Protein backbone atom coordinates (compact mmCIF):
# COMPACT_ATOMS: atom_id res chain seq x y z
CA MET A 1 79.23 85.60 95.94
CA SER A 2 82.51 84.01 96.76
CA ALA A 3 85.98 85.46 96.42
CA MET A 4 86.13 83.67 93.07
CA PHE A 5 83.84 86.45 91.83
CA PHE A 6 86.91 88.67 91.87
CA THR A 7 89.32 86.03 90.63
CA ALA A 8 90.15 86.27 86.96
CA PRO A 9 93.09 85.32 84.75
CA GLY A 10 95.57 88.04 83.87
CA GLN A 11 97.00 88.95 87.24
CA THR A 12 100.75 88.56 87.28
CA ARG A 13 103.89 88.89 89.34
CA LEU A 14 102.92 92.42 90.42
CA THR A 15 99.83 91.17 92.18
CA GLY A 16 101.81 88.41 93.88
CA ILE A 17 104.49 90.82 95.13
CA LEU A 18 101.95 93.32 96.44
CA ALA A 19 100.00 90.53 98.08
CA GLU A 20 103.06 89.16 99.87
CA GLU A 21 104.05 92.65 101.06
CA GLU A 22 100.64 93.17 102.67
CA GLY A 23 100.31 89.68 104.14
CA PHE A 24 97.93 88.26 101.53
CA GLY A 25 98.01 84.63 100.49
CA LEU A 26 100.24 83.52 97.67
CA PRO A 27 98.83 83.85 94.15
CA SER A 28 96.45 81.03 93.31
CA SER A 29 96.90 78.69 90.39
CA VAL A 30 93.64 80.09 88.98
CA GLY A 31 95.38 83.41 88.43
CA GLY A 32 93.60 85.18 91.27
CA GLY A 33 96.65 86.12 93.34
CA GLY A 34 96.33 88.60 96.11
CA ASP A 35 92.83 87.94 97.37
CA ARG A 36 92.49 88.26 101.12
CA LEU A 37 89.23 87.12 102.66
CA LEU A 38 88.03 89.27 105.53
CA PRO A 39 85.61 88.14 108.25
CA ASN A 40 81.91 88.63 107.54
CA ASP A 41 79.97 88.82 110.80
CA THR A 42 76.83 90.07 109.04
CA LEU A 43 73.84 88.30 107.50
CA THR A 44 74.73 89.86 104.12
CA PRO A 45 75.50 87.11 101.61
CA GLY A 46 78.94 86.98 100.02
CA ASP A 47 82.55 87.14 101.07
CA ASN A 48 84.31 90.22 102.30
CA VAL A 49 87.49 90.49 100.26
CA LEU A 50 90.41 92.85 99.64
CA MET A 51 92.32 92.19 96.43
CA TYR A 52 94.54 93.59 93.72
CA LYS A 53 93.60 93.47 90.04
CA ASP A 54 95.60 94.55 87.00
CA VAL A 55 93.36 96.81 84.90
CA SER A 56 93.75 98.60 81.59
CA ARG A 57 93.50 102.37 81.90
CA LEU A 58 93.29 102.80 78.12
CA SER A 59 89.61 103.59 77.79
CA LEU A 60 87.25 106.53 77.77
CA ARG A 61 85.23 104.89 80.55
CA SER A 62 85.86 105.89 84.16
CA HIS A 63 88.26 103.93 86.34
CA VAL A 64 85.32 102.64 88.37
CA ALA A 65 83.52 101.40 85.24
CA ARG A 66 86.67 99.71 83.89
CA THR A 67 87.32 98.04 87.25
CA LEU A 68 83.75 96.78 87.66
CA SER A 69 83.86 95.42 84.11
CA SER A 70 87.18 93.67 84.78
CA ILE A 71 85.72 91.76 87.75
CA GLY A 72 82.50 90.85 85.97
CA GLY A 73 80.29 93.42 87.67
CA ALA A 74 79.67 94.50 91.23
CA PRO A 75 79.22 91.89 93.99
CA ALA A 76 76.21 91.66 96.33
CA PRO A 77 74.76 93.92 97.65
CA PHE A 78 76.03 96.31 94.95
CA GLU A 79 74.48 94.64 91.89
CA PHE A 80 72.52 97.77 91.01
CA VAL A 81 75.14 100.39 91.85
CA THR A 82 76.16 102.80 89.08
CA VAL A 83 79.33 104.82 88.65
CA ARG A 84 77.40 107.87 89.90
CA ASP A 85 76.81 106.13 93.25
CA PHE A 86 80.54 106.22 94.07
CA HIS A 87 81.93 108.95 96.32
CA THR A 88 85.48 110.26 96.00
CA ALA A 89 87.56 110.52 99.16
CA MET A 90 91.21 110.97 100.08
CA ASP A 91 93.55 109.61 102.70
CA GLY A 92 97.33 109.39 103.11
CA GLU A 93 97.63 107.09 100.07
CA GLY A 94 95.63 109.41 97.83
CA LEU A 95 92.22 109.25 96.19
CA TYR A 96 89.83 106.33 96.29
CA LYS A 97 86.22 105.82 95.26
CA PHE A 98 83.59 104.00 97.27
CA ALA A 99 79.91 103.15 97.33
CA VAL A 100 77.90 102.39 100.46
CA ALA A 101 74.96 100.02 100.90
CA ARG A 102 72.97 99.33 104.04
CA PRO A 103 71.13 96.07 103.26
CA LEU A 104 70.06 95.36 106.86
CA ASP A 105 69.64 97.38 110.06
CA GLY A 106 73.06 97.99 111.59
CA THR A 107 74.94 96.56 108.59
CA THR A 108 77.08 98.78 106.38
CA CYS A 109 78.69 97.47 103.19
CA VAL A 110 81.28 99.27 101.09
CA LEU A 111 82.70 98.65 97.65
CA ALA A 112 85.93 100.64 97.37
CA ILE A 113 88.32 101.06 94.45
CA ARG A 114 91.78 102.63 94.58
CA GLU A 115 94.35 102.96 91.79
CA VAL A 116 97.80 102.03 93.06
CA THR A 117 101.12 103.01 91.56
CA TYR A 118 104.14 100.73 91.80
CA VAL A 119 106.92 101.53 89.34
CA GLY A 120 109.18 98.86 87.90
CA LEU A 121 107.01 95.78 88.43
CA GLU A 122 105.52 93.62 85.71
CA LEU A 123 101.85 94.05 84.78
CA ALA A 124 99.57 91.61 83.00
CA ILE A 125 99.60 91.79 79.22
CA GLY A 126 97.23 94.57 78.19
CA ALA A 127 97.09 96.08 81.69
CA THR A 128 98.31 99.59 82.33
CA GLY A 129 97.86 99.77 86.09
CA THR A 130 96.79 98.02 89.24
CA THR A 131 93.68 98.58 91.32
CA LYS A 132 92.99 97.68 94.93
CA ILE A 133 89.37 96.54 95.41
CA LEU A 134 87.49 96.09 98.68
CA ARG A 135 84.07 94.57 99.30
CA ASN A 136 83.38 94.66 103.03
CA CYS A 137 80.18 94.37 105.09
CA VAL A 138 80.35 95.10 108.82
CA LEU A 139 78.12 95.73 111.80
CA GLY A 140 79.16 99.35 112.10
CA SER A 141 79.96 102.51 110.16
CA ALA A 142 81.29 103.18 106.67
CA ARG A 143 84.64 104.05 108.26
CA ASP A 144 84.70 100.62 109.93
CA ALA A 145 83.91 98.93 106.62
CA LEU A 146 86.55 100.96 104.72
CA SER A 147 89.31 100.39 107.29
CA PRO A 148 91.08 97.58 105.33
CA ILE A 149 91.71 99.91 102.38
CA LEU A 150 92.42 103.13 104.27
CA SER A 151 95.89 104.50 104.88
CA THR A 152 97.04 104.85 108.46
CA THR A 153 97.64 108.52 107.62
CA ASP A 154 94.09 109.86 107.57
CA VAL A 155 92.78 112.90 105.75
CA PHE A 156 89.41 114.46 106.60
CA ASN A 157 86.60 112.76 104.69
CA PRO A 158 83.17 114.42 104.83
CA PHE A 159 81.39 111.21 103.76
CA LEU A 160 82.42 109.13 106.79
């Protein structure tokens, strides 16, 4: 999968501002805005990417389910992951959810989702919040793979 997997129309000025603040590229003309490709030194197919996505929170489905639906499903190697496969953890920025896959010996992949709150910035029409999404495969631990989404202020996490 390429980063275009995560790129969908409907991201707006909010995504662009957040992306610029964190050193992401400028929003693309496709409406993707805020995707940042990360290195992938593994044999796992697909791009490692950290991105922002405006998502509607007006649903009875879980935040993870809404987010996965908004990006067209989970990327490789998470095609068969379910909402129940996600762990909840906390760091200095608050709660986030993540799933772990180990497709090859020594390779750890994570799919992490974090709701972010920024007051006073414009959201896409129909969106009620913004989500930070990470797909990252590394030769190392889950903590190594999660590092792009983790706060520098760490809180004990029993899953890492």
